[in-house]
């Protein structure tokens, strides 16, 4: 009678073994090591679009201004899109670039210089629609100058 009360009842064990958990952690670490650099590069490329978009839009504004006034510089009371005040306002609306513009009566060059996460990138465009870019950083991207707007690590335009 007492013998039956002290007998162990066997139960099925559930859960994971330590080796199974370690294998899963190793697999997740390998996937993270592959995915994180790709994701970081993707995010950086997304920030570079800010510069190319604003340069294209400003160039279109400059060409429209030239058609209306026959000069790229401020004409009387009509302020050029390349005016210092216009550029300061435009730069204030950007998160990762500052914009500068140099103009004469017949030509201009607009430059976007990277700040914050886009530091080291410089893009420019002129009145002849010549696009240029230079990369000084970040480390995964080779430092060089290009005659196009480079927006991918493979240095493709």
C-alpha atoms as a PDB file:
ATOM      1  CA  UNK A   1       0.000   0.000   0.000  1.00  0.00           C
ATOM      2  CA  UNK A   2       2.811   2.390   0.808  1.00  0.00           C
ATOM      3  CA  UNK A   3       4.884   1.169  -2.123  1.00  0.00           C
ATOM      4  CA  UNK A   4       2.426   2.511  -4.663  1.00  0.00           C
ATOM      5  CA  UNK A   5       2.285   5.955  -3.123  1.00  0.00           C
ATOM      6  CA  UNK A   6       6.047   6.470  -3.486  1.00  0.00           C
ATOM      7  CA  UNK A   7       6.288   5.307  -7.072  1.00  0.00           C
ATOM      8  CA  UNK A   8       7.297   7.918  -9.589  1.00  0.00           C
ATOM      9  CA  UNK A   9       4.937   8.806 -12.289  1.00  0.00           C
ATOM     10  CA  UNK A  10       6.704   9.302 -15.572  1.00  0.00           C
ATOM     11  CA  UNK A  11       5.868  12.383 -17.577  1.00  0.00           C
ATOM     12  CA  UNK A  12       6.892  13.272 -21.093  1.00  0.00           C
ATOM     13  CA  UNK A  13       9.471  16.046 -21.033  1.00  0.00           C
ATOM     14  CA  UNK A  14       8.934  19.055 -23.230  1.00  0.00           C
ATOM     15  CA  UNK A  15      11.133  21.965 -24.318  1.00  0.00           C
ATOM     16  CA  UNK A  16      14.337  22.460 -26.256  1.00  0.00           C
ATOM     17  CA  UNK A  17      17.765  21.177 -25.499  1.00  0.00           C
ATOM     18  CA  UNK A  18      20.656  23.573 -25.100  1.00  0.00           C
ATOM     19  CA  UNK A  19      22.244  22.423 -28.350  1.00  0.00           C
ATOM     20  CA  UNK A  20      19.038  23.120 -30.293  1.00  0.00           C
ATOM     21  CA  UNK A  21      18.838  26.643 -28.888  1.00  0.00           C
ATOM     22  CA  UNK A  22      22.516  27.276 -29.699  1.00  0.00           C
ATOM     23  CA  UNK A  23      22.013  26.125 -33.294  1.00  0.00           C
ATOM     24  CA  UNK A  24      19.086  28.520 -33.719  1.00  0.00           C
ATOM     25  CA  UNK A  25      21.107  31.401 -32.228  1.00  0.00           C
ATOM     26  CA  UNK A  26      24.002  30.636 -34.602  1.00  0.00           C
ATOM     27  CA  UNK A  27      21.671  30.636 -37.617  1.00  0.00           C
ATOM     28  CA  UNK A  28      20.104  33.953 -36.580  1.00  0.00           C
ATOM     29  CA  UNK A  29      23.577  35.474 -36.077  1.00  0.00           C
ATOM     30  CA  UNK A  30      24.683  34.401 -39.558  1.00  0.00           C
ATOM     31  CA  UNK A  31      21.533  35.841 -41.138  1.00  0.00           C
ATOM     32  CA  UNK A  32      21.982  39.110 -39.224  1.00  0.00           C
ATOM     33  CA  UNK A  33      25.618  39.369 -40.331  1.00  0.00           C
ATOM     34  CA  UNK A  34      24.492  39.113 -43.943  1.00  0.00           C
ATOM     35  CA  UNK A  35      21.354  41.258 -43.736  1.00  0.00           C
ATOM     36  CA  UNK A  36      22.550  44.188 -41.606  1.00  0.00           C
ATOM     37  CA  UNK A  37      25.195  45.551 -44.031  1.00  0.00           C
ATOM     38  CA  UNK A  38      22.768  45.227 -46.937  1.00  0.00           C
ATOM     39  CA  UNK A  39      20.070  47.035 -44.992  1.00  0.00           C
ATOM     40  CA  UNK A  40      22.464  49.812 -43.930  1.00  0.00           C
ATOM     41  CA  UNK A  41      23.527  50.300 -47.551  1.00  0.00           C
ATOM     42  CA  UNK A  42      19.883  50.398 -48.638  1.00  0.00           C
ATOM     43  CA  UNK A  43      19.064  53.082 -46.050  1.00  0.00           C
ATOM     44  CA  UNK A  44      22.053  55.193 -47.144  1.00  0.00           C
ATOM     45  CA  UNK A  45      21.041  54.955 -50.805  1.00  0.00           C
ATOM     46  CA  UNK A  46      17.587  56.176 -49.816  1.00  0.00           C
ATOM     47  CA  UNK A  47      19.124  59.270 -48.236  1.00  0.00           C
ATOM     48  CA  UNK A  48      21.123  60.089 -51.375  1.00  0.00           C
ATOM     49  CA  UNK A  49      17.926  60.446 -53.396  1.00  0.00           C
ATOM     50  CA  UNK A  50      17.182  63.613 -51.427  1.00  0.00           C
ATOM     51  CA  UNK A  51      20.112  65.344 -53.147  1.00  0.00           C
ATOM     52  CA  UNK A  52      19.384  64.181 -56.674  1.00  0.00           C
ATOM     53  CA  UNK A  53      15.715  65.144 -56.363  1.00  0.00           C
ATOM     54  CA  UNK A  54      16.425  68.641 -55.057  1.00  0.00           C
ATOM     55  CA  UNK A  55      19.152  69.258 -57.659  1.00  0.00           C
ATOM     56  CA  UNK A  56      16.826  68.221 -60.488  1.00  0.00           C
ATOM     57  CA  UNK A  57      13.997  70.388 -59.162  1.00  0.00           C
ATOM     58  CA  UNK A  58      16.278  73.400 -58.647  1.00  0.00           C
ATOM     59  CA  UNK A  59      17.721  72.986 -62.136  1.00  0.00           C
ATOM     60  CA  UNK A  60      14.197  72.990 -63.587  1.00  0.00           C
ATOM     61  CA  UNK A  61      13.428  76.167 -61.611  1.00  0.00           C
ATOM     62  CA  UNK A  62      16.626  77.793 -62.884  1.00  0.00           C
ATOM     63  CA  UNK A  63      15.790  76.979 -66.502  1.00  0.00           C
ATOM     64  CA  UNK A  64      12.261  78.342 -66.081  1.00  0.00           C
ATOM     65  CA  UNK A  65      13.696  81.486 -64.494  1.00  0.00           C
ATOM     66  CA  UNK A  66      16.122  81.895 -67.412  1.00  0.00           C
ATOM     67  CA  UNK A  67      13.299  81.534 -69.945  1.00  0.00           C
ATOM     68  CA  UNK A  68      11.345  84.265 -68.187  1.00  0.00           C
ATOM     69  CA  UNK A  69      14.223  86.689 -67.445  1.00  0.00           C
ATOM     70  CA  UNK A  70      17.068  85.838 -69.864  1.00  0.00           C
ATOM     71  CA  UNK A  71      19.509  85.617 -66.963  1.00  0.00           C
ATOM     72  CA  UNK A  72      20.245  83.185 -64.153  1.00  0.00           C
ATOM     73  CA  UNK A  73      20.937  85.982 -61.677  1.00  0.00           C
ATOM     74  CA  UNK A  74      18.420  88.062 -59.771  1.00  0.00           C
ATOM     75  CA  UNK A  75      16.817  90.529 -62.175  1.00  0.00           C
ATOM     76  CA  UNK A  76      15.497  93.629 -60.424  1.00  0.00           C
ATOM     77  CA  UNK A  77      12.866  92.618 -57.893  1.00  0.00           C
ATOM     78  CA  UNK A  78      12.529  89.094 -59.277  1.00  0.00           C
ATOM     79  CA  UNK A  79      14.660  86.802 -57.126  1.00  0.00           C
ATOM     80  CA  UNK A  80      16.589  83.988 -58.797  1.00  0.00           C
ATOM     81  CA  UNK A  81      16.135  80.432 -57.475  1.00  0.00           C
ATOM     82  CA  UNK A  82      19.938  80.531 -57.082  1.00  0.00           C
ATOM     83  CA  UNK A  83      19.782  83.516 -54.722  1.00  0.00           C
ATOM     84  CA  UNK A  84      21.435  83.041 -51.319  1.00  0.00           C
ATOM     85  CA  UNK A  85      18.109  83.462 -49.485  1.00  0.00           C
ATOM     86  CA  UNK A  86      16.435  80.836 -51.668  1.00  0.00           C
ATOM     87  CA  UNK A  87      19.298  78.397 -51.120  1.00  0.00           C
ATOM     88  CA  UNK A  88      19.272  78.934 -47.334  1.00  0.00           C
ATOM     89  CA  UNK A  89      15.530  78.237 -47.197  1.00  0.00           C
ATOM     90  CA  UNK A  90      15.947  75.177 -49.392  1.00  0.00           C
ATOM     91  CA  UNK A  91      18.830  73.812 -47.312  1.00  0.00           C
ATOM     92  CA  UNK A  92      16.771  74.222 -44.147  1.00  0.00           C
ATOM     93  CA  UNK A  93      14.135  71.834 -45.496  1.00  0.00           C
ATOM     94  CA  UNK A  94      16.649  69.033 -46.126  1.00  0.00           C
ATOM     95  CA  UNK A  95      17.756  66.467 -43.546  1.00  0.00           C
ATOM     96  CA  UNK A  96      20.983  65.126 -45.042  1.00  0.00           C
ATOM     97  CA  UNK A  97      22.265  67.762 -47.481  1.00  0.00           C
ATOM     98  CA  UNK A  98      23.009  71.457 -47.747  1.00  0.00           C
ATOM     99  CA  UNK A  99      22.529  73.217 -51.071  1.00  0.00           C
ATOM    100  CA  UNK A 100      24.719  75.939 -52.590  1.00  0.00           C
ATOM    101  CA  UNK A 101      24.460  77.688 -55.923  1.00  0.00           C
ATOM    102  CA  UNK A 102      26.863  79.871 -57.899  1.00  0.00           C
ATOM    103  CA  UNK A 103      25.531  81.733 -60.919  1.00  0.00           C
ATOM    104  CA  UNK A 104      26.477  84.245 -63.564  1.00  0.00           C
ATOM    105  CA  UNK A 105      24.155  85.783 -66.129  1.00  0.00           C
ATOM    106  CA  UNK A 106      24.671  82.815 -68.469  1.00  0.00           C
ATOM    107  CA  UNK A 107      25.632  79.857 -66.278  1.00  0.00           C
ATOM    108  CA  UNK A 108      25.173  78.251 -62.876  1.00  0.00           C
ATOM    109  CA  UNK A 109      26.320  75.313 -60.782  1.00  0.00           C
ATOM    110  CA  UNK A 110      24.201  73.856 -57.987  1.00  0.00           C
ATOM    111  CA  UNK A 111      25.933  71.689 -55.383  1.00  0.00           C
ATOM    112  CA  UNK A 112      24.470  69.417 -52.703  1.00  0.00           C
ATOM    113  CA  UNK A 113      26.939  68.587 -49.928  1.00  0.00           C
ATOM    114  CA  UNK A 114      26.166  65.724 -47.586  1.00  0.00           C
ATOM    115  CA  UNK A 115      25.658  66.248 -43.872  1.00  0.00           C
ATOM    116  CA  UNK A 116      24.696  63.882 -41.045  1.00  0.00           C
ATOM    117  CA  UNK A 117      24.276  60.349 -42.426  1.00  0.00           C
ATOM    118  CA  UNK A 118      25.214  61.448 -45.971  1.00  0.00           C
ATOM    119  CA  UNK A 119      28.471  63.098 -44.933  1.00  0.00           C
ATOM    120  CA  UNK A 120      31.189  62.664 -47.550  1.00  0.00           C
ATOM    121  CA  UNK A 121      28.880  62.765 -50.572  1.00  0.00           C
ATOM    122  CA  UNK A 122      28.782  65.742 -52.946  1.00  0.00           C
ATOM    123  CA  UNK A 123      26.523  66.038 -55.982  1.00  0.00           C
ATOM    124  CA  UNK A 124      26.396  68.860 -58.524  1.00  0.00           C
ATOM    125  CA  UNK A 125      24.679  69.893 -61.731  1.00  0.00           C
ATOM    126  CA  UNK A 126      25.197  72.865 -64.029  1.00  0.00           C
ATOM    127  CA  UNK A 127      23.361  74.772 -66.749  1.00  0.00           C
ATOM    128  CA  UNK A 128      24.525  72.266 -69.408  1.00  0.00           C
ATOM    129  CA  UNK A 129      22.977  69.421 -67.341  1.00  0.00           C
ATOM    130  CA  UNK A 130      26.423  68.010 -66.537  1.00  0.00           C
ATOM    131  CA  UNK A 131      26.020  65.872 -63.448  1.00  0.00           C
ATOM    132  CA  UNK A 132      28.946  65.113 -61.152  1.00  0.00           C
ATOM    133  CA  UNK A 133      29.460  63.453 -57.800  1.00  0.00           C
ATOM    134  CA  UNK A 134      32.290  62.741 -55.429  1.00  0.00           C
ATOM    135  CA  UNK A 135      32.479  60.270 -52.585  1.00  0.00           C
ATOM    136  CA  UNK A 136      34.839  60.768 -49.659  1.00  0.00           C
ATOM    137  CA  UNK A 137      33.060  58.523 -47.153  1.00  0.00           C
ATOM    138  CA  UNK A 138      31.652  56.294 -45.693  1.00  0.00           C
ATOM    139  CA  UNK A 139      34.265  53.559 -45.696  1.00  0.00           C
ATOM    140  CA  UNK A 140      32.350  50.864 -47.621  1.00  0.00           C
ATOM    141  CA  UNK A 141      32.151  53.160 -50.648  1.00  0.00           C
ATOM    142  CA  UNK A 142      35.397  53.853 -52.542  1.00  0.00           C
ATOM    143  CA  UNK A 143      36.469  57.499 -52.557  1.00  0.00           C
ATOM    144  CA  UNK A 144      36.465  58.957 -56.062  1.00  0.00           C
ATOM    145  CA  UNK A 145      34.918  61.553 -58.370  1.00  0.00           C
ATOM    146  CA  UNK A 146      32.444  60.678 -61.098  1.00  0.00           C
ATOM    147  CA  UNK A 147      30.806  62.384 -64.074  1.00  0.00           C
ATOM    148  CA  UNK A 148      27.364  61.197 -63.025  1.00  0.00           C
ATOM    149  CA  UNK A 149      25.290  60.932 -59.854  1.00  0.00           C
ATOM    150  CA  UNK A 150      26.475  57.812 -58.076  1.00  0.00           C
ATOM    151  CA  UNK A 151      23.754  56.415 -55.841  1.00  0.00           C
ATOM    152  CA  UNK A 152      24.865  52.798 -55.416  1.00  0.00           C
ATOM    153  CA  UNK A 153      27.933  51.252 -53.839  1.00  0.00           C
ATOM    154  CA  UNK A 154      28.842  49.597 -57.146  1.00  0.00           C
ATOM    155  CA  UNK A 155      29.461  53.108 -58.475  1.00  0.00           C
ATOM    156  CA  UNK A 156      26.747  52.815 -61.084  1.00  0.00           C
ATOM    157  CA  UNK A 157      24.887  55.833 -62.317  1.00  0.00           C
END
